[in-house]
Amino acid sequence: NGVDVSRLAGKLPKQDFALALGRICPEKGFHLALQAA
């Protein structure tokens, strides 16, 4: 797979947060990311 890197060009100042992103379902294990954070 690939992504359209041209649409993702550009910079923004980094903020103080981590991100988890995706379909909210059991196999994505987002509860584990929340626990780690």
PDB file of all heavy atoms in Angstrom:
ATOM      1  N   ASN A   1       0.824  -1.201   0.000  1.00  0.00           N
ATOM      2  CA  ASN A   1       0.000   0.000   0.000  1.00  0.00           C
ATOM      3  C   ASN A   1       0.862   1.257   0.000  1.00  0.00           C
ATOM      4  O   ASN A   1       2.047   1.231   0.355  1.00  0.00           O
ATOM      5  CB  ASN A   1      -0.913   0.023   1.226  1.00  0.00           C
ATOM      6  CG  ASN A   1      -2.094  -0.915   1.080  1.00  0.00           C
ATOM      7  OD1 ASN A   1      -2.451  -1.314  -0.024  1.00  0.00           O
ATOM      8  ND2 ASN A   1      -2.716  -1.272   2.191  1.00  0.00           N
ATOM      9  N   GLY A   2       0.233   2.365  -0.360  1.00  0.00           N
ATOM     10  CA  GLY A   2       0.883   3.665  -0.307  1.00  0.00           C
ATOM     11  C   GLY A   2      -0.127   4.726   0.061  1.00  0.00           C
ATOM     12  O   GLY A   2      -1.329   4.466   0.137  1.00  0.00           O
ATOM     13  N   VAL A   3       0.351   5.932   0.291  1.00  0.00           N
ATOM     14  CA  VAL A   3      -0.519   7.056   0.626  1.00  0.00           C
ATOM     15  C   VAL A   3      -0.145   8.239  -0.259  1.00  0.00           C
ATOM     16  O   VAL A   3       0.970   8.308  -0.791  1.00  0.00           O
ATOM     17  CB  VAL A   3      -0.409   7.454   2.113  1.00  0.00           C
ATOM     18  CG1 VAL A   3      -0.904   6.317   3.004  1.00  0.00           C
ATOM     19  CG2 VAL A   3       1.010   7.848   2.485  1.00  0.00           C
ATOM     20  N   ASP A   4      -1.067   9.169  -0.399  1.00  0.00           N
ATOM     21  CA  ASP A   4      -0.826  10.354  -1.219  1.00  0.00           C
ATOM     22  C   ASP A   4      -0.015  11.349  -0.404  1.00  0.00           C
ATOM     23  O   ASP A   4      -0.559  12.214   0.281  1.00  0.00           O
ATOM     24  CB  ASP A   4      -2.170  10.954  -1.650  1.00  0.00           C
ATOM     25  CG  ASP A   4      -1.998  12.060  -2.690  1.00  0.00           C
ATOM     26  OD1 ASP A   4      -0.859  12.525  -2.874  1.00  0.00           O
ATOM     27  OD2 ASP A   4      -3.006  12.459  -3.313  1.00  0.00           O
ATOM     28  N   VAL A   5       1.299  11.205  -0.474  1.00  0.00           N
ATOM     29  CA  VAL A   5       2.171  12.036   0.362  1.00  0.00           C
ATOM     30  C   VAL A   5       2.053  13.512  -0.001  1.00  0.00           C
ATOM     31  O   VAL A   5       2.291  14.385   0.851  1.00  0.00           O
ATOM     32  CB  VAL A   5       3.639  11.562   0.273  1.00  0.00           C
ATOM     33  CG1 VAL A   5       3.797  10.198   0.915  1.00  0.00           C
ATOM     34  CG2 VAL A   5       4.115  11.518  -1.177  1.00  0.00           C
ATOM     35  N   SER A   6       1.660  13.828  -1.241  1.00  0.00           N
ATOM     36  CA  SER A   6       1.535  15.238  -1.625  1.00  0.00           C
ATOM     37  C   SER A   6       0.418  15.927  -0.855  1.00  0.00           C
ATOM     38  O   SER A   6       0.503  17.119  -0.539  1.00  0.00           O
ATOM     39  CB  SER A   6       1.283  15.354  -3.137  1.00  0.00           C
ATOM     40  OG  SER A   6       0.044  14.773  -3.496  1.00  0.00           O
ATOM     41  N   ARG A   7      -0.647  15.195  -0.529  1.00  0.00           N
ATOM     42  CA  ARG A   7      -1.751  15.776   0.242  1.00  0.00           C
ATOM     43  C   ARG A   7      -1.382  15.948   1.713  1.00  0.00           C
ATOM     44  O   ARG A   7      -2.096  16.610   2.457  1.00  0.00           O
ATOM     45  CB  ARG A   7      -3.003  14.889   0.152  1.00  0.00           C
ATOM     46  CG  ARG A   7      -3.612  14.791  -1.222  1.00  0.00           C
ATOM     47  CD  ARG A   7      -4.889  13.969  -1.179  1.00  0.00           C
ATOM     48  NE  ARG A   7      -5.968  14.676  -0.488  1.00  0.00           N
ATOM     49  CZ  ARG A   7      -7.011  14.080   0.073  1.00  0.00           C
ATOM     50  NH1 ARG A   7      -7.102  12.752   0.069  1.00  0.00           N
ATOM     51  NH2 ARG A   7      -7.960  14.788   0.662  1.00  0.00           N
ATOM     52  N   LEU A   8      -0.298  15.318   2.123  1.00  0.00           N
ATOM     53  CA  LEU A   8       0.115  15.368   3.524  1.00  0.00           C
ATOM     54  C   LEU A   8       1.301  16.295   3.742  1.00  0.00           C
ATOM     55  O   LEU A   8       1.884  16.329   4.817  1.00  0.00           O
ATOM     56  CB  LEU A   8       0.459  13.954   4.008  1.00  0.00           C
ATOM     57  CG  LEU A   8      -0.717  12.985   3.994  1.00  0.00           C
ATOM     58  CD1 LEU A   8      -0.234  11.535   3.965  1.00  0.00           C
ATOM     59  CD2 LEU A   8      -1.629  13.212   5.192  1.00  0.00           C
ATOM     60  N   ALA A   9       1.659  17.065   2.702  1.00  0.00           N
ATOM     61  CA  ALA A   9       2.790  17.982   2.807  1.00  0.00           C
ATOM     62  C   ALA A   9       2.437  19.142   3.736  1.00  0.00           C
ATOM     63  O   ALA A   9       1.263  19.458   3.957  1.00  0.00           O
ATOM     64  CB  ALA A   9       3.162  18.505   1.428  1.00  0.00           C
ATOM     65  N   GLY A  10       3.467  19.783   4.263  1.00  0.00           N
ATOM     66  CA  GLY A  10       3.259  20.917   5.149  1.00  0.00           C
ATOM     67  C   GLY A  10       3.600  20.576   6.581  1.00  0.00           C
ATOM     68  O   GLY A  10       3.572  19.418   6.995  1.00  0.00           O
ATOM     69  N   LYS A  11       3.926  21.614   7.353  1.00  0.00           N
ATOM     70  CA  LYS A  11       4.345  21.407   8.732  1.00  0.00           C
ATOM     71  C   LYS A  11       3.468  22.242   9.657  1.00  0.00           C
ATOM     72  O   LYS A  11       3.033  23.336   9.316  1.00  0.00           O
ATOM     73  CB  LYS A  11       5.809  21.826   8.918  1.00  0.00           C
ATOM     74  CG  LYS A  11       6.797  21.086   8.034  1.00  0.00           C
ATOM     75  CD  LYS A  11       8.211  21.607   8.280  1.00  0.00           C
ATOM     76  CE  LYS A  11       9.222  20.967   7.340  1.00  0.00           C
ATOM     77  NZ  LYS A  11      10.590  21.511   7.561  1.00  0.00           N
ATOM     78  N   LEU A  12       3.235  21.718  10.842  1.00  0.00           N
ATOM     79  CA  LEU A  12       2.553  22.447  11.903  1.00  0.00           C
ATOM     80  C   LEU A  12       3.365  22.274  13.184  1.00  0.00           C
ATOM     81  O   LEU A  12       4.026  21.240  13.370  1.00  0.00           O
ATOM     82  CB  LEU A  12       1.134  21.909  12.110  1.00  0.00           C
ATOM     83  CG  LEU A  12       0.123  22.192  10.995  1.00  0.00           C
ATOM     84  CD1 LEU A  12      -1.187  21.448  11.280  1.00  0.00           C
ATOM     85  CD2 LEU A  12      -0.133  23.681  10.847  1.00  0.00           C
ATOM     86  N   PRO A  13       3.346  23.249  14.075  1.00  0.00           N
ATOM     87  CA  PRO A  13       4.077  23.098  15.346  1.00  0.00           C
ATOM     88  C   PRO A  13       3.559  21.904  16.130  1.00  0.00           C
ATOM     89  O   PRO A  13       2.343  21.655  16.177  1.00  0.00           O
ATOM     90  CB  PRO A  13       3.781  24.415  16.080  1.00  0.00           C
ATOM     91  CG  PRO A  13       3.372  25.382  15.013  1.00  0.00           C
ATOM     92  CD  PRO A  13       2.685  24.558  13.952  1.00  0.00           C
ATOM     93  N   LYS A  14       4.461  21.160  16.720  1.00  0.00           N
ATOM     94  CA  LYS A  14       4.076  19.999  17.513  1.00  0.00           C
ATOM     95  C   LYS A  14       3.390  20.441  18.813  1.00  0.00           C
ATOM     96  O   LYS A  14       3.761  21.430  19.429  1.00  0.00           O
ATOM     97  CB  LYS A  14       5.300  19.141  17.845  1.00  0.00           C
ATOM     98  CG  LYS A  14       5.910  18.419  16.645  1.00  0.00           C
ATOM     99  CD  LYS A  14       4.966  17.390  16.073  1.00  0.00           C
ATOM    100  CE  LYS A  14       5.590  16.607  14.939  1.00  0.00           C
ATOM    101  NZ  LYS A  14       4.626  15.652  14.322  1.00  0.00           N
ATOM    102  N   GLN A  15       2.351  19.685  19.182  1.00  0.00           N
ATOM    103  CA  GLN A  15       1.612  19.943  20.407  1.00  0.00           C
ATOM    104  C   GLN A  15       1.884  18.797  21.393  1.00  0.00           C
ATOM    105  O   GLN A  15       2.407  17.751  21.027  1.00  0.00           O
ATOM    106  CB  GLN A  15       0.112  20.043  20.101  1.00  0.00           C
ATOM    107  CG  GLN A  15      -0.233  21.070  19.041  1.00  0.00           C
ATOM    108  CD  GLN A  15       0.059  22.489  19.456  1.00  0.00           C
ATOM    109  OE1 GLN A  15      -0.139  22.844  20.625  1.00  0.00           O
ATOM    110  NE2 GLN A  15       0.567  23.303  18.541  1.00  0.00           N
ATOM    111  N   ASP A  16       1.484  19.020  22.629  1.00  0.00           N
ATOM    112  CA  ASP A  16       1.773  18.032  23.664  1.00  0.00           C
ATOM    113  C   ASP A  16       0.640  17.014  23.776  1.00  0.00           C
ATOM    114  O   ASP A  16      -0.114  16.990  24.754  1.00  0.00           O
ATOM    115  CB  ASP A  16       1.984  18.721  25.014  1.00  0.00           C
ATOM    116  CG  ASP A  16       2.423  17.725  26.091  1.00  0.00           C
ATOM    117  OD1 ASP A  16       3.017  16.692  25.719  1.00  0.00           O
ATOM    118  OD2 ASP A  16       2.162  17.986  27.282  1.00  0.00           O
ATOM    119  N   PHE A  17       0.517  16.161  22.751  1.00  0.00           N
ATOM    120  CA  PHE A  17      -0.424  15.050  22.823  1.00  0.00           C
ATOM    121  C   PHE A  17       0.031  13.944  21.880  1.00  0.00           C
ATOM    122  O   PHE A  17       0.691  14.198  20.863  1.00  0.00           O
ATOM    123  CB  PHE A  17      -1.862  15.486  22.493  1.00  0.00           C
ATOM    124  CG  PHE A  17      -2.097  15.853  21.044  1.00  0.00           C
ATOM    125  CD1 PHE A  17      -2.499  14.894  20.111  1.00  0.00           C
ATOM    126  CD2 PHE A  17      -1.935  17.164  20.607  1.00  0.00           C
ATOM    127  CE1 PHE A  17      -2.725  15.226  18.781  1.00  0.00           C
ATOM    128  CE2 PHE A  17      -2.159  17.511  19.273  1.00  0.00           C
ATOM    129  CZ  PHE A  17      -2.560  16.536  18.362  1.00  0.00           C
ATOM    130  N   ALA A  18      -0.314  12.730  22.250  1.00  0.00           N
ATOM    131  CA  ALA A  18      -0.172  11.579  21.350  1.00  0.00           C
ATOM    132  C   ALA A  18      -1.522  11.336  20.691  1.00  0.00           C
ATOM    133  O   ALA A  18      -2.573  11.756  21.199  1.00  0.00           O
ATOM    134  CB  ALA A  18       0.277  10.356  22.124  1.00  0.00           C
ATOM    135  N   LEU A  19      -1.498  10.659  19.577  1.00  0.00           N
ATOM    136  CA  LEU A  19      -2.717  10.424  18.805  1.00  0.00           C
ATOM    137  C   LEU A  19      -2.894   8.934  18.558  1.00  0.00           C
ATOM    138  O   LEU A  19      -1.932   8.211  18.282  1.00  0.00           O
ATOM    139  CB  LEU A  19      -2.629  11.152  17.457  1.00  0.00           C
ATOM    140  CG  LEU A  19      -3.802  10.989  16.490  1.00  0.00           C
ATOM    141  CD1 LEU A  19      -5.063  11.661  17.042  1.00  0.00           C
ATOM    142  CD2 LEU A  19      -3.445  11.589  15.120  1.00  0.00           C
ATOM    143  N   ALA A  20      -4.125   8.472  18.671  1.00  0.00           N
ATOM    144  CA  ALA A  20      -4.508   7.134  18.211  1.00  0.00           C
ATOM    145  C   ALA A  20      -5.675   7.333  17.266  1.00  0.00           C
ATOM    146  O   ALA A  20      -6.603   8.104  17.561  1.00  0.00           O
ATOM    147  CB  ALA A  20      -4.901   6.240  19.379  1.00  0.00           C
ATOM    148  N   LEU A  21      -5.650   6.662  16.137  1.00  0.00           N
ATOM    149  CA  LEU A  21      -6.590   6.984  15.071  1.00  0.00           C
ATOM    150  C   LEU A  21      -6.979   5.734  14.307  1.00  0.00           C
ATOM    151  O   LEU A  21      -6.119   4.955  13.895  1.00  0.00           O
ATOM    152  CB  LEU A  21      -5.935   7.994  14.116  1.00  0.00           C
ATOM    153  CG  LEU A  21      -6.651   8.360  12.828  1.00  0.00           C
ATOM    154  CD1 LEU A  21      -7.980   9.050  13.120  1.00  0.00           C
ATOM    155  CD2 LEU A  21      -5.763   9.276  11.979  1.00  0.00           C
ATOM    156  N   GLY A  22      -8.270   5.532  14.099  1.00  0.00           N
ATOM    157  CA  GLY A  22      -8.723   4.399  13.298  1.00  0.00           C
ATOM    158  C   GLY A  22     -10.148   4.014  13.634  1.00  0.00           C
ATOM    159  O   GLY A  22     -10.822   4.663  14.451  1.00  0.00           O
ATOM    160  N   ARG A  23     -10.598   2.962  13.006  1.00  0.00           N
ATOM    161  CA  ARG A  23     -11.929   2.432  13.292  1.00  0.00           C
ATOM    162  C   ARG A  23     -11.963   1.921  14.735  1.00  0.00           C
ATOM    163  O   ARG A  23     -11.079   1.169  15.149  1.00  0.00           O
ATOM    164  CB  ARG A  23     -12.253   1.309  12.309  1.00  0.00           C
ATOM    165  CG  ARG A  23     -13.626   0.716  12.461  1.00  0.00           C
ATOM    166  CD  ARG A  23     -13.865  -0.377  11.438  1.00  0.00           C
ATOM    167  NE  ARG A  23     -14.145   0.149  10.127  1.00  0.00           N
ATOM    168  CZ  ARG A  23     -13.513  -0.198   9.008  1.00  0.00           C
ATOM    169  NH1 ARG A  23     -12.529  -1.080   9.065  1.00  0.00           N
ATOM    170  NH2 ARG A  23     -13.835   0.327   7.858  1.00  0.00           N
ATOM    171  N   ILE A  24     -12.961   2.333  15.493  1.00  0.00           N
ATOM    172  CA  ILE A  24     -13.038   1.954  16.902  1.00  0.00           C
ATOM    173  C   ILE A  24     -13.665   0.569  17.002  1.00  0.00           C
ATOM    174  O   ILE A  24     -14.886   0.400  16.896  1.00  0.00           O
ATOM    175  CB  ILE A  24     -13.860   2.981  17.716  1.00  0.00           C
ATOM    176  CG1 ILE A  24     -13.349   4.402  17.457  1.00  0.00           C
ATOM    177  CG2 ILE A  24     -13.788   2.638  19.191  1.00  0.00           C
ATOM    178  CD1 ILE A  24     -11.907   4.642  17.815  1.00  0.00           C
ATOM    179  N   CYS A  25     -12.828  -0.431  17.187  1.00  0.00           N
ATOM    180  CA  CYS A  25     -13.289  -1.814  17.254  1.00  0.00           C
ATOM    181  C   CYS A  25     -12.293  -2.610  18.093  1.00  0.00           C
ATOM    182  O   CYS A  25     -11.149  -2.175  18.299  1.00  0.00           O
ATOM    183  CB  CYS A  25     -13.442  -2.410  15.853  1.00  0.00           C
ATOM    184  SG  CYS A  25     -11.959  -2.326  14.835  1.00  0.00           S
ATOM    185  N   PRO A  26     -12.694  -3.784  18.594  1.00  0.00           N
ATOM    186  CA  PRO A  26     -11.841  -4.506  19.549  1.00  0.00           C
ATOM    187  C   PRO A  26     -10.438  -4.807  19.034  1.00  0.00           C
ATOM    188  O   PRO A  26      -9.458  -4.693  19.799  1.00  0.00           O
ATOM    189  CB  PRO A  26     -12.633  -5.790  19.810  1.00  0.00           C
ATOM    190  CG  PRO A  26     -14.054  -5.431  19.562  1.00  0.00           C
ATOM    191  CD  PRO A  26     -14.027  -4.431  18.431  1.00  0.00           C
ATOM    192  N   GLU A  27     -10.320  -5.206  17.765  1.00  0.00           N
ATOM    193  CA  GLU A  27      -9.011  -5.641  17.285  1.00  0.00           C
ATOM    194  C   GLU A  27      -7.988  -4.506  17.194  1.00  0.00           C
ATOM    195  O   GLU A  27      -6.786  -4.750  17.102  1.00  0.00           O
ATOM    196  CB  GLU A  27      -9.122  -6.349  15.937  1.00  0.00           C
ATOM    197  CG  GLU A  27      -9.717  -5.523  14.820  1.00  0.00           C
ATOM    198  CD  GLU A  27     -11.218  -5.708  14.675  1.00  0.00           C
ATOM    199  OE1 GLU A  27     -11.867  -6.133  15.659  1.00  0.00           O
ATOM    200  OE2 GLU A  27     -11.737  -5.424  13.584  1.00  0.00           O
ATOM    201  N   LYS A  28      -8.448  -3.254  17.218  1.00  0.00           N
ATOM    202  CA  LYS A  28      -7.503  -2.130  17.174  1.00  0.00           C
ATOM    203  C   LYS A  28      -6.879  -1.855  18.546  1.00  0.00           C
ATOM    204  O   LYS A  28      -5.894  -1.120  18.628  1.00  0.00           O
ATOM    205  CB  LYS A  28      -8.189  -0.872  16.643  1.00  0.00           C
ATOM    206  CG  LYS A  28      -8.622  -0.977  15.185  1.00  0.00           C
ATOM    207  CD  LYS A  28      -7.457  -1.224  14.253  1.00  0.00           C
ATOM    208  CE  LYS A  28      -7.889  -1.310  12.802  1.00  0.00           C
ATOM    209  NZ  LYS A  28      -6.761  -1.586  11.881  1.00  0.00           N
ATOM    210  N   GLY A  29      -7.452  -2.401  19.602  1.00  0.00           N
ATOM    211  CA  GLY A  29      -6.823  -2.341  20.920  1.00  0.00           C
ATOM    212  C   GLY A  29      -6.582  -0.947  21.462  1.00  0.00           C
ATOM    213  O   GLY A  29      -5.612  -0.722  22.202  1.00  0.00           O
ATOM    214  N   PHE A  30      -7.462   0.000  21.164  1.00  0.00           N
ATOM    215  CA  PHE A  30      -7.217   1.374  21.598  1.00  0.00           C
ATOM    216  C   PHE A  30      -7.222   1.526  23.121  1.00  0.00           C
ATOM    217  O   PHE A  30      -6.635   2.476  23.647  1.00  0.00           O
ATOM    218  CB  PHE A  30      -8.246   2.318  20.971  1.00  0.00           C
ATOM    219  CG  PHE A  30      -8.043   2.533  19.495  1.00  0.00           C
ATOM    220  CD1 PHE A  30      -9.056   2.279  18.591  1.00  0.00           C
ATOM    221  CD2 PHE A  30      -6.834   2.997  19.008  1.00  0.00           C
ATOM    222  CE1 PHE A  30      -8.883   2.478  17.237  1.00  0.00           C
ATOM    223  CE2 PHE A  30      -6.638   3.206  17.651  1.00  0.00           C
ATOM    224  CZ  PHE A  30      -7.667   2.939  16.755  1.00  0.00           C
ATOM    225  N   HIS A  31      -7.862   0.597  23.825  1.00  0.00           N
ATOM    226  CA  HIS A  31      -7.808   0.664  25.289  1.00  0.00           C
ATOM    227  C   HIS A  31      -6.371   0.510  25.792  1.00  0.00           C
ATOM    228  O   HIS A  31      -6.008   1.084  26.830  1.00  0.00           O
ATOM    229  CB  HIS A  31      -8.715  -0.407  25.904  1.00  0.00           C
ATOM    230  CG  HIS A  31      -8.334  -1.811  25.577  1.00  0.00           C
ATOM    231  ND1 HIS A  31      -8.449  -2.356  24.307  1.00  0.00           N
ATOM    232  CD2 HIS A  31      -7.819  -2.800  26.364  1.00  0.00           C
ATOM    233  CE1 HIS A  31      -8.027  -3.605  24.333  1.00  0.00           C
ATOM    234  NE2 HIS A  31      -7.640  -3.900  25.557  1.00  0.00           N
ATOM    235  N   LEU A  32      -5.550  -0.226  25.058  1.00  0.00           N
ATOM    236  CA  LEU A  32      -4.150  -0.394  25.450  1.00  0.00           C
ATOM    237  C   LEU A  32      -3.365   0.899  25.240  1.00  0.00           C
ATOM    238  O   LEU A  32      -2.497   1.246  26.052  1.00  0.00           O
ATOM    239  CB  LEU A  32      -3.526  -1.542  24.658  1.00  0.00           C
ATOM    240  CG  LEU A  32      -4.231  -2.897  24.808  1.00  0.00           C
ATOM    241  CD1 LEU A  32      -3.619  -3.928  23.886  1.00  0.00           C
ATOM    242  CD2 LEU A  32      -4.172  -3.371  26.263  1.00  0.00           C
ATOM    243  N   ALA A  33      -3.669   1.614  24.154  1.00  0.00           N
ATOM    244  CA  ALA A  33      -3.022   2.914  23.928  1.00  0.00           C
ATOM    245  C   ALA A  33      -3.403   3.901  25.023  1.00  0.00           C
ATOM    246  O   ALA A  33      -2.558   4.664  25.511  1.00  0.00           O
ATOM    247  CB  ALA A  33      -3.417   3.455  22.559  1.00  0.00           C
ATOM    248  N   LEU A  34      -4.674   3.879  25.416  1.00  0.00           N
ATOM    249  CA  LEU A  34      -5.118   4.756  26.498  1.00  0.00           C
ATOM    250  C   LEU A  34      -4.411   4.417  27.802  1.00  0.00           C
ATOM    251  O   LEU A  34      -4.005   5.310  28.570  1.00  0.00           O
ATOM    252  CB  LEU A  34      -6.629   4.651  26.661  1.00  0.00           C
ATOM    253  CG  LEU A  34      -7.472   5.345  25.580  1.00  0.00           C
ATOM    254  CD1 LEU A  34      -8.902   4.815  25.591  1.00  0.00           C
ATOM    255  CD2 LEU A  34      -7.467   6.857  25.780  1.00  0.00           C
ATOM    256  N   GLN A  35      -4.249   3.119  28.077  1.00  0.00           N
ATOM    257  CA  GLN A  35      -3.548   2.709  29.290  1.00  0.00           C
ATOM    258  C   GLN A  35      -2.091   3.173  29.274  1.00  0.00           C
ATOM    259  O   GLN A  35      -1.564   3.663  30.284  1.00  0.00           O
ATOM    260  CB  GLN A  35      -3.616   1.198  29.437  1.00  0.00           C
ATOM    261  CG  GLN A  35      -4.998   0.650  29.751  1.00  0.00           C
ATOM    262  CD  GLN A  35      -5.052  -0.872  29.681  1.00  0.00           C
ATOM    263  OE1 GLN A  35      -4.016  -1.528  29.605  1.00  0.00           O
ATOM    264  NE2 GLN A  35      -6.252  -1.425  29.704  1.00  0.00           N
ATOM    265  N   ALA A  36      -1.434   3.031  28.126  1.00  0.00           N
ATOM    266  CA  ALA A  36      -0.027   3.431  28.023  1.00  0.00           C
ATOM    267  C   ALA A  36       0.122   4.936  28.227  1.00  0.00           C
ATOM    268  O   ALA A  36       1.054   5.394  28.903  1.00  0.00           O
ATOM    269  CB  ALA A  36       0.538   3.017  26.665  1.00  0.00           C
ATOM    270  N   ALA A  37      -0.784   5.712  27.642  1.00  0.00           N
ATOM    271  CA  ALA A  37      -0.725   7.163  27.796  1.00  0.00           C
ATOM    272  C   ALA A  37      -0.941   7.564  29.255  1.00  0.00           C
ATOM    273  O   ALA A  37      -0.292   8.491  29.764  1.00  0.00           O
ATOM    274  CB  ALA A  37      -1.762   7.827  26.894  1.00  0.00           C
TER     275      ALA A  37
END
